[in-house]
Amino acid sequence: MDFRTKGRKAFGLARNSALVAVVVAAMGLSACDSGGSAGNAVVMPPVTTAKSCTNIVGNLDPLQTTLTGQLQPAVLALPLVGGSAAGATAALSQTLDAVDAITAALTTLAQTQNPQLFTAQLSGAGDSVLCSGASLADALAQLTTSQALPIPGLATVQQTLSTVLTRVADGLVGTAPGGDLQLLTDQLVVLATQLQTLSASLPVPVNQPYLQQVLALNATAFSSLALILGDLGALDGDQLSYDVTALLLAGANGLPASLATQLGVPVAVLAPLNSQFLLAAQTLHAGLTTVATPTLQAVSAVLGGVGSAGATDAFSDLLDGSLTDTSSVASLTRVTEVTQLLGTGTSLLTALLQTFGGVLPG
């Protein structure tokens, strides 16, 4: 299997027709501050603090170690944009930690059939997004101080990033099961689109190749995370494996050793990093295909069958409750019901059926 080709095809999913409306909305938002009259920075609310930014153990650890232990210090030395480049590098690594959290939670679900352990591990994905957002916010803030003139689109990205972090931290309160997770994934796509536009239009002298590339990779990571969370909520293990692979291959294609001189990064750093992206893509593709697909199919069968709107809505609602410390009474009630059933030794499938059966049609 050609994983590079597979990744390029999968990455294109972020631009499919289902997301056209969101992308158009994002472009409209970007235009609002293109004149620069509001200056570079927006007044940001306090950055939400994650419960923990400790690394989540997983298959991506070697890759993350290279990103933060070797690449981040190297780009910190870049003139003018070093601080922003280093912060954006840290943000990319922390977003990858969300993938480790998701894959670890799915593995635990398959091995233990325990929803409580599943949701406990999955909560690390929410923390990882908060940590990534804080690093990216710092990188963008440093970028604002490096230019006397406004940077078109920067204020909009900062505002959208703030919105995304608030949604992750506070929970996405919806009146219908499953409505919450969709709001988050839509907003992640908006953020990704705006960040991608910003990366391609940085003015001189901050339009340095590495900064442009790492901001673009952060945009890819957010877009891919939206797809991955959507796949999980839709109980689609095959597509989840596909989109995780695409994210990692985008990293390999975006930071090849051949661009070391152009990016101002030592080839001794980029060469192993590129190999680690490729190895992780192959490893996770194989692992998720084995674990995620049958596990999520089993859950779907109990919740109403493959393709059932009730099944995906109910499971998405459970996921949202596990991703956040939400104040949503409805989400908390459903998650609590699942958790309480575990004390009786109830299996995963029975627990889900007993908890969600009342909200399914028929």
Protein backbone atom coordinates (compact mmCIF):
# COMPACT_ATOMS: atom_id res chain seq x y z
CA MET A 1 0.00 0.00 0.00
CA ASP A 2 1.30 3.47 -0.88
CA PHE A 3 0.65 5.38 2.34
CA ARG A 4 1.74 8.70 0.84
CA THR A 5 -0.86 8.41 -1.92
CA LYS A 6 -3.50 7.27 0.54
CA GLY A 7 -2.81 10.25 2.76
CA ARG A 8 -3.08 12.76 -0.05
CA LYS A 9 -6.46 11.33 -1.02
CA ALA A 10 -7.72 11.31 2.55
CA PHE A 11 -6.54 14.86 3.20
CA GLY A 12 -8.82 15.98 0.39
CA LEU A 13 -11.81 14.89 2.46
CA ALA A 14 -11.57 18.12 4.40
CA ARG A 15 -12.57 19.97 1.29
CA ASN A 16 -15.58 17.87 0.32
CA SER A 17 -19.01 19.27 -0.37
CA ALA A 18 -20.26 18.61 3.15
CA LEU A 19 -17.91 21.30 4.40
CA VAL A 20 -18.45 23.92 1.71
CA ALA A 21 -20.81 25.99 3.82
CA VAL A 22 -18.39 26.04 6.73
CA VAL A 23 -15.45 27.02 4.52
CA VAL A 24 -17.42 29.82 2.90
CA ALA A 25 -18.33 31.11 6.35
CA ALA A 26 -14.68 31.02 7.33
CA MET A 27 -13.68 33.05 4.28
CA GLY A 28 -16.30 35.60 5.12
CA LEU A 29 -14.94 35.94 8.62
CA SER A 30 -11.40 36.34 7.30
CA ALA A 31 -12.49 39.23 5.13
CA CYS A 32 -13.81 41.14 8.11
CA ASP A 33 -10.38 42.18 9.36
CA SER A 34 -8.49 42.14 6.06
CA GLY A 35 -8.19 45.89 6.12
CA GLY A 36 -6.25 45.76 9.34
CA SER A 37 -8.10 48.62 10.97
CA ALA A 38 -8.49 46.67 14.21
CA GLY A 39 -4.76 45.99 14.56
CA ASN A 40 -3.09 42.62 14.92
CA ALA A 41 -4.42 41.35 18.21
CA VAL A 42 -7.89 40.86 19.57
CA VAL A 43 -8.88 41.05 23.20
CA MET A 44 -8.73 37.40 24.14
CA PRO A 45 -10.53 35.96 27.14
CA PRO A 46 -8.26 34.10 29.57
CA VAL A 47 -6.88 30.95 27.94
CA THR A 48 -8.63 27.98 29.45
CA THR A 49 -6.25 25.84 31.48
CA ALA A 50 -6.22 22.13 30.79
CA LYS A 51 -6.33 19.68 33.67
CA SER A 52 -2.99 18.37 32.47
CA CYS A 53 -0.56 18.91 29.61
CA THR A 54 1.43 15.82 30.51
CA ASN A 55 2.27 13.73 27.47
CA ILE A 56 -0.22 10.96 26.75
CA VAL A 57 1.68 7.74 26.19
CA GLY A 58 1.14 6.33 22.71
CA ASN A 59 2.56 5.45 19.31
CA LEU A 60 3.30 9.08 18.50
CA ASP A 61 5.69 9.62 21.43
CA PRO A 62 8.93 9.28 19.38
CA LEU A 63 7.56 11.76 16.84
CA GLN A 64 6.54 14.22 19.56
CA THR A 65 9.91 13.90 21.28
CA THR A 66 11.65 14.93 18.07
CA LEU A 67 9.21 17.79 17.52
CA THR A 68 9.66 19.32 20.97
CA GLY A 69 13.14 18.09 21.88
CA GLN A 70 14.96 18.79 18.63
CA LEU A 71 12.88 20.78 16.15
CA GLN A 72 11.45 23.30 18.63
CA PRO A 73 14.87 24.41 19.99
CA ALA A 74 16.25 24.60 16.44
CA VAL A 75 13.52 26.91 15.15
CA LEU A 76 13.65 29.07 18.27
CA ALA A 77 16.89 30.44 16.82
CA LEU A 78 15.18 31.68 13.64
CA PRO A 79 15.49 35.48 13.39
CA LEU A 80 12.41 37.56 14.19
CA VAL A 81 9.93 34.65 14.15
CA GLY A 82 11.74 32.17 16.42
CA GLY A 83 9.32 32.47 19.33
CA SER A 84 6.26 32.11 17.11
CA ALA A 85 7.79 29.18 15.23
CA ALA A 86 8.66 27.38 18.46
CA GLY A 87 5.17 27.92 19.89
CA ALA A 88 3.50 26.64 16.73
CA THR A 89 5.77 23.58 16.79
CA ALA A 90 4.70 22.81 20.35
CA ALA A 91 1.06 23.26 19.34
CA LEU A 92 1.44 20.70 16.55
CA SER A 93 2.93 18.16 18.95
CA GLN A 94 0.12 18.68 21.45
CA THR A 95 -2.58 18.23 18.82
CA LEU A 96 -0.95 14.90 17.91
CA ASP A 97 -1.36 13.97 21.58
CA ALA A 98 -5.12 14.13 21.01
CA VAL A 99 -4.68 11.34 18.44
CA ASP A 100 -2.77 9.28 21.00
CA ALA A 101 -5.63 9.82 23.47
CA ILE A 102 -8.25 8.70 20.96
CA THR A 103 -6.35 5.61 19.82
CA ALA A 104 -5.51 4.61 23.40
CA ALA A 105 -9.16 4.99 24.44
CA LEU A 106 -10.35 2.85 21.54
CA THR A 107 -7.80 0.16 22.37
CA THR A 108 -8.97 0.15 25.98
CA LEU A 109 -12.59 -0.06 24.87
CA ALA A 110 -11.82 -3.08 22.70
CA GLN A 111 -9.81 -4.83 25.41
CA THR A 112 -11.96 -4.12 28.48
CA GLN A 113 -15.46 -3.34 27.13
CA ASN A 114 -15.54 -0.71 29.88
CA PRO A 115 -17.15 2.65 28.94
CA GLN A 116 -15.78 4.31 32.08
CA LEU A 117 -12.17 3.56 31.18
CA PHE A 118 -12.88 4.57 27.59
CA THR A 119 -14.27 7.98 28.47
CA ALA A 120 -11.60 8.58 31.12
CA GLN A 121 -8.85 8.11 28.54
CA LEU A 122 -10.71 9.99 25.84
CA SER A 123 -10.86 13.08 28.06
CA GLY A 124 -7.15 13.47 27.37
CA ALA A 125 -8.06 14.51 23.82
CA GLY A 126 -9.88 17.54 25.17
CA ASP A 127 -6.92 18.48 27.36
CA SER A 128 -4.56 18.07 24.41
CA VAL A 129 -6.62 20.48 22.31
CA LEU A 130 -6.61 23.01 25.16
CA CYS A 131 -2.83 22.68 25.52
CA SER A 132 -2.32 23.00 21.78
CA GLY A 133 -4.59 26.03 21.66
CA ALA A 134 -2.67 27.73 24.45
CA SER A 135 0.64 27.19 22.64
CA LEU A 136 -0.78 28.45 19.36
CA ALA A 137 -2.33 31.48 21.07
CA ASP A 138 1.08 32.33 22.50
CA ALA A 139 2.70 31.90 19.08
CA LEU A 140 0.18 34.23 17.47
CA ALA A 141 0.55 36.76 20.27
CA GLN A 142 4.31 36.88 19.67
CA LEU A 143 3.64 37.36 15.99
CA THR A 144 1.56 40.45 16.72
CA THR A 145 4.50 42.16 18.44
CA SER A 146 6.88 41.54 15.55
CA GLN A 147 5.06 43.80 13.09
CA ALA A 148 4.23 47.48 13.31
CA LEU A 149 1.45 47.10 10.77
CA PRO A 150 -1.56 44.80 11.13
CA ILE A 151 -1.31 41.28 9.71
CA PRO A 152 -4.45 40.60 7.64
CA GLY A 153 -6.47 37.70 9.01
CA LEU A 154 -4.52 37.34 12.26
CA ALA A 155 -7.16 38.84 14.54
CA THR A 156 -9.82 36.58 13.03
CA VAL A 157 -7.72 33.46 13.68
CA GLN A 158 -7.18 34.54 17.28
CA GLN A 159 -10.91 35.09 17.78
CA THR A 160 -11.85 31.72 16.29
CA LEU A 161 -9.19 29.96 18.34
CA SER A 162 -10.69 31.50 21.46
CA THR A 163 -14.14 30.23 20.45
CA VAL A 164 -12.85 26.70 19.86
CA LEU A 165 -11.08 26.57 23.23
CA THR A 166 -14.20 27.81 24.99
CA ARG A 167 -16.29 25.10 23.32
CA VAL A 168 -13.85 22.39 24.34
CA ALA A 169 -13.57 23.63 27.92
CA ASP A 170 -17.21 24.42 28.67
CA GLY A 171 -18.92 21.72 26.66
CA LEU A 172 -21.13 22.15 23.66
CA VAL A 173 -24.61 22.36 25.09
CA GLY A 174 -27.23 21.19 22.61
CA THR A 175 -30.88 20.33 22.94
CA ALA A 176 -30.71 17.19 20.79
CA PRO A 177 -28.35 14.23 21.35
CA GLY A 178 -25.39 14.39 18.99
CA GLY A 179 -25.70 18.09 18.23
CA ASP A 180 -22.77 19.00 20.45
CA LEU A 181 -19.91 17.20 18.74
CA GLN A 182 -20.88 18.58 15.32
CA LEU A 183 -20.55 22.14 16.59
CA LEU A 184 -16.99 21.47 17.68
CA THR A 185 -15.93 19.77 14.47
CA ASP A 186 -17.47 22.54 12.35
CA GLN A 187 -15.62 25.17 14.36
CA LEU A 188 -12.34 23.27 14.05
CA VAL A 189 -12.74 23.35 10.25
CA VAL A 190 -13.34 27.11 10.35
CA LEU A 191 -10.20 27.56 12.44
CA ALA A 192 -8.19 25.34 10.08
CA THR A 193 -9.32 27.27 7.01
CA GLN A 194 -8.49 30.64 8.54
CA LEU A 195 -5.09 29.44 9.80
CA GLN A 196 -4.24 27.97 6.40
CA THR A 197 -5.07 31.32 4.75
CA LEU A 198 -2.96 33.19 7.31
CA SER A 199 0.03 30.91 6.78
CA ALA A 200 -0.01 31.59 3.04
CA SER A 201 -0.36 35.36 3.32
CA LEU A 202 2.06 36.46 6.04
CA PRO A 203 3.64 39.80 5.09
CA VAL A 204 7.35 40.52 4.84
CA PRO A 205 9.46 39.98 6.93
CA VAL A 206 7.53 37.35 8.93
CA ASN A 207 6.68 35.27 5.87
CA GLN A 208 9.58 32.94 6.61
CA PRO A 209 9.28 29.44 5.13
CA TYR A 210 9.35 27.43 8.35
CA LEU A 211 6.76 29.57 10.10
CA GLN A 212 4.47 29.37 7.08
CA GLN A 213 4.90 25.60 6.92
CA VAL A 214 4.32 24.88 10.61
CA LEU A 215 1.23 27.10 10.72
CA ALA A 216 -0.09 25.25 7.67
CA LEU A 217 0.57 21.91 9.42
CA ASN A 218 -1.33 23.14 12.47
CA ALA A 219 -4.20 23.97 10.13
CA THR A 220 -4.02 20.44 8.73
CA ALA A 221 -3.98 19.00 12.24
CA PHE A 222 -7.13 20.88 13.25
CA SER A 223 -8.90 19.94 10.04
CA SER A 224 -7.91 16.30 10.47
CA LEU A 225 -8.94 16.30 14.13
CA ALA A 226 -12.38 17.51 13.07
CA LEU A 227 -12.62 14.57 10.67
CA ILE A 228 -11.31 12.08 13.26
CA LEU A 229 -13.78 13.21 15.94
CA GLY A 230 -16.56 13.11 13.38
CA ASP A 231 -15.55 9.57 12.40
CA LEU A 232 -15.60 8.51 16.03
CA GLY A 233 -19.00 10.05 16.60
CA ALA A 234 -20.30 8.36 13.46
CA LEU A 235 -18.94 5.01 14.70
CA ASP A 236 -16.91 4.68 11.49
CA GLY A 237 -13.67 2.88 12.31
CA ASP A 238 -12.54 2.51 8.69
CA GLN A 239 -12.78 6.22 8.02
CA LEU A 240 -11.13 7.05 11.33
CA SER A 241 -8.10 4.96 10.39
CA TYR A 242 -8.05 6.64 6.98
CA ASP A 243 -8.07 10.16 8.43
CA VAL A 244 -5.47 9.47 11.12
CA THR A 245 -3.18 8.12 8.40
CA ALA A 246 -3.78 11.22 6.29
CA LEU A 247 -2.83 13.54 9.15
CA LEU A 248 0.49 11.80 9.71
CA LEU A 249 1.34 11.66 6.03
CA ALA A 250 0.62 15.36 5.72
CA GLY A 251 3.30 15.89 8.36
CA ALA A 252 5.77 13.74 6.44
CA ASN A 253 5.02 15.59 3.19
CA GLY A 254 5.15 19.00 4.89
CA LEU A 255 8.54 18.61 6.58
CA PRO A 256 10.73 16.56 4.21
CA ALA A 257 14.48 16.51 4.77
CA SER A 258 14.96 17.94 1.27
CA LEU A 259 13.53 21.28 2.45
CA ALA A 260 15.90 21.64 5.42
CA THR A 261 17.97 24.45 3.89
CA GLN A 262 14.92 26.34 2.66
CA LEU A 263 13.21 26.05 6.05
CA GLY A 264 16.34 26.95 8.01
CA VAL A 265 16.27 23.70 9.98
CA PRO A 266 19.15 21.19 10.30
CA VAL A 267 18.72 18.17 8.04
CA ALA A 268 19.75 16.02 11.00
CA VAL A 269 16.46 17.03 12.64
CA LEU A 270 14.12 16.79 9.65
CA ALA A 271 15.38 13.43 8.35
CA PRO A 272 14.41 11.38 11.44
CA LEU A 273 11.23 13.41 11.87
CA ASN A 274 10.11 12.54 8.35
CA SER A 275 10.79 8.85 8.96
CA GLN A 276 8.86 8.94 12.24
CA PHE A 277 5.81 10.47 10.56
CA LEU A 278 5.84 7.70 7.95
CA LEU A 279 6.36 4.91 10.48
CA ALA A 280 3.57 6.26 12.71
CA ALA A 281 1.23 6.41 9.71
CA GLN A 282 1.81 2.75 8.92
CA THR A 283 1.62 1.63 12.55
CA LEU A 284 -1.59 3.46 13.40
CA HIS A 285 -3.26 2.53 10.14
CA ALA A 286 -2.70 -1.15 10.85
CA GLY A 287 -3.62 -0.89 14.51
CA LEU A 288 -6.79 1.14 14.07
CA THR A 289 -8.03 -1.04 11.24
CA THR A 290 -7.74 -4.03 13.56
CA VAL A 291 -9.20 -2.43 16.67
CA ALA A 292 -11.46 0.51 15.81
CA THR A 293 -13.58 -0.96 13.05
CA PRO A 294 -14.93 -4.07 14.84
CA THR A 295 -15.28 -2.27 18.16
CA LEU A 296 -17.31 0.62 16.77
CA GLN A 297 -19.37 -1.74 14.63
CA ALA A 298 -20.29 -3.67 17.77
CA VAL A 299 -21.35 -0.49 19.56
CA SER A 300 -23.33 0.62 16.52
CA ALA A 301 -25.14 -2.71 16.33
CA VAL A 302 -26.38 -2.35 19.90
CA LEU A 303 -27.37 1.29 19.48
CA GLY A 304 -29.59 0.68 16.46
CA GLY A 305 -27.49 -0.66 13.62
CA VAL A 306 -24.93 0.69 11.20
CA GLY A 307 -26.02 4.00 9.76
CA SER A 308 -28.65 4.57 12.42
CA ALA A 309 -29.10 8.26 13.22
CA GLY A 310 -30.07 7.34 16.75
CA ALA A 311 -26.90 5.34 17.25
CA THR A 312 -24.54 8.05 16.04
CA ASP A 313 -26.41 10.84 17.82
CA ALA A 314 -26.33 8.99 21.14
CA PHE A 315 -22.68 8.01 20.86
CA SER A 316 -21.66 11.53 19.81
CA ASP A 317 -23.39 12.87 22.89
CA LEU A 318 -21.45 10.44 25.07
CA LEU A 319 -18.20 11.51 23.40
CA ASP A 320 -18.89 15.17 24.02
CA GLY A 321 -19.45 14.49 27.70
CA SER A 322 -16.12 12.70 27.91
CA LEU A 323 -14.19 15.35 25.99
CA THR A 324 -15.16 18.14 28.34
CA ASP A 325 -16.12 19.01 31.87
CA THR A 326 -19.44 20.12 30.49
CA SER A 327 -22.15 21.84 32.47
CA SER A 328 -24.75 20.36 30.14
CA VAL A 329 -27.25 18.54 32.35
CA ALA A 330 -28.37 16.29 29.49
CA SER A 331 -24.87 15.17 28.55
CA LEU A 332 -23.78 14.68 32.13
CA THR A 333 -26.88 12.63 32.90
CA ARG A 334 -26.26 10.23 30.04
CA VAL A 335 -22.57 9.82 30.83
CA THR A 336 -23.36 9.34 34.51
CA GLU A 337 -25.92 6.65 33.69
CA VAL A 338 -23.33 4.69 31.72
CA THR A 339 -20.79 5.03 34.51
CA GLN A 340 -23.21 3.89 37.21
CA LEU A 341 -24.07 0.73 35.29
CA LEU A 342 -20.45 -0.37 35.44
CA GLY A 343 -20.67 -1.10 39.17
CA THR A 344 -22.88 -4.10 38.45
CA GLY A 345 -20.35 -5.72 36.14
CA THR A 346 -22.44 -4.81 33.10
CA SER A 347 -20.65 -5.26 29.78
CA LEU A 348 -20.03 -2.37 27.41
CA LEU A 349 -22.74 -3.31 24.96
CA THR A 350 -25.36 -3.97 27.65
CA ALA A 351 -24.50 -0.73 29.41
CA LEU A 352 -24.84 1.28 26.22
CA LEU A 353 -28.09 -0.43 25.32
CA GLN A 354 -29.62 0.15 28.76
CA THR A 355 -28.47 3.76 28.86
CA PHE A 356 -29.33 4.89 25.35
CA GLY A 357 -32.19 2.54 24.52
CA GLY A 358 -34.75 5.01 25.78
CA VAL A 359 -33.67 7.74 23.37
CA LEU A 360 -33.55 5.58 20.27
CA PRO A 361 -36.49 5.50 17.86
CA GLY A 362 -38.66 2.39 18.04
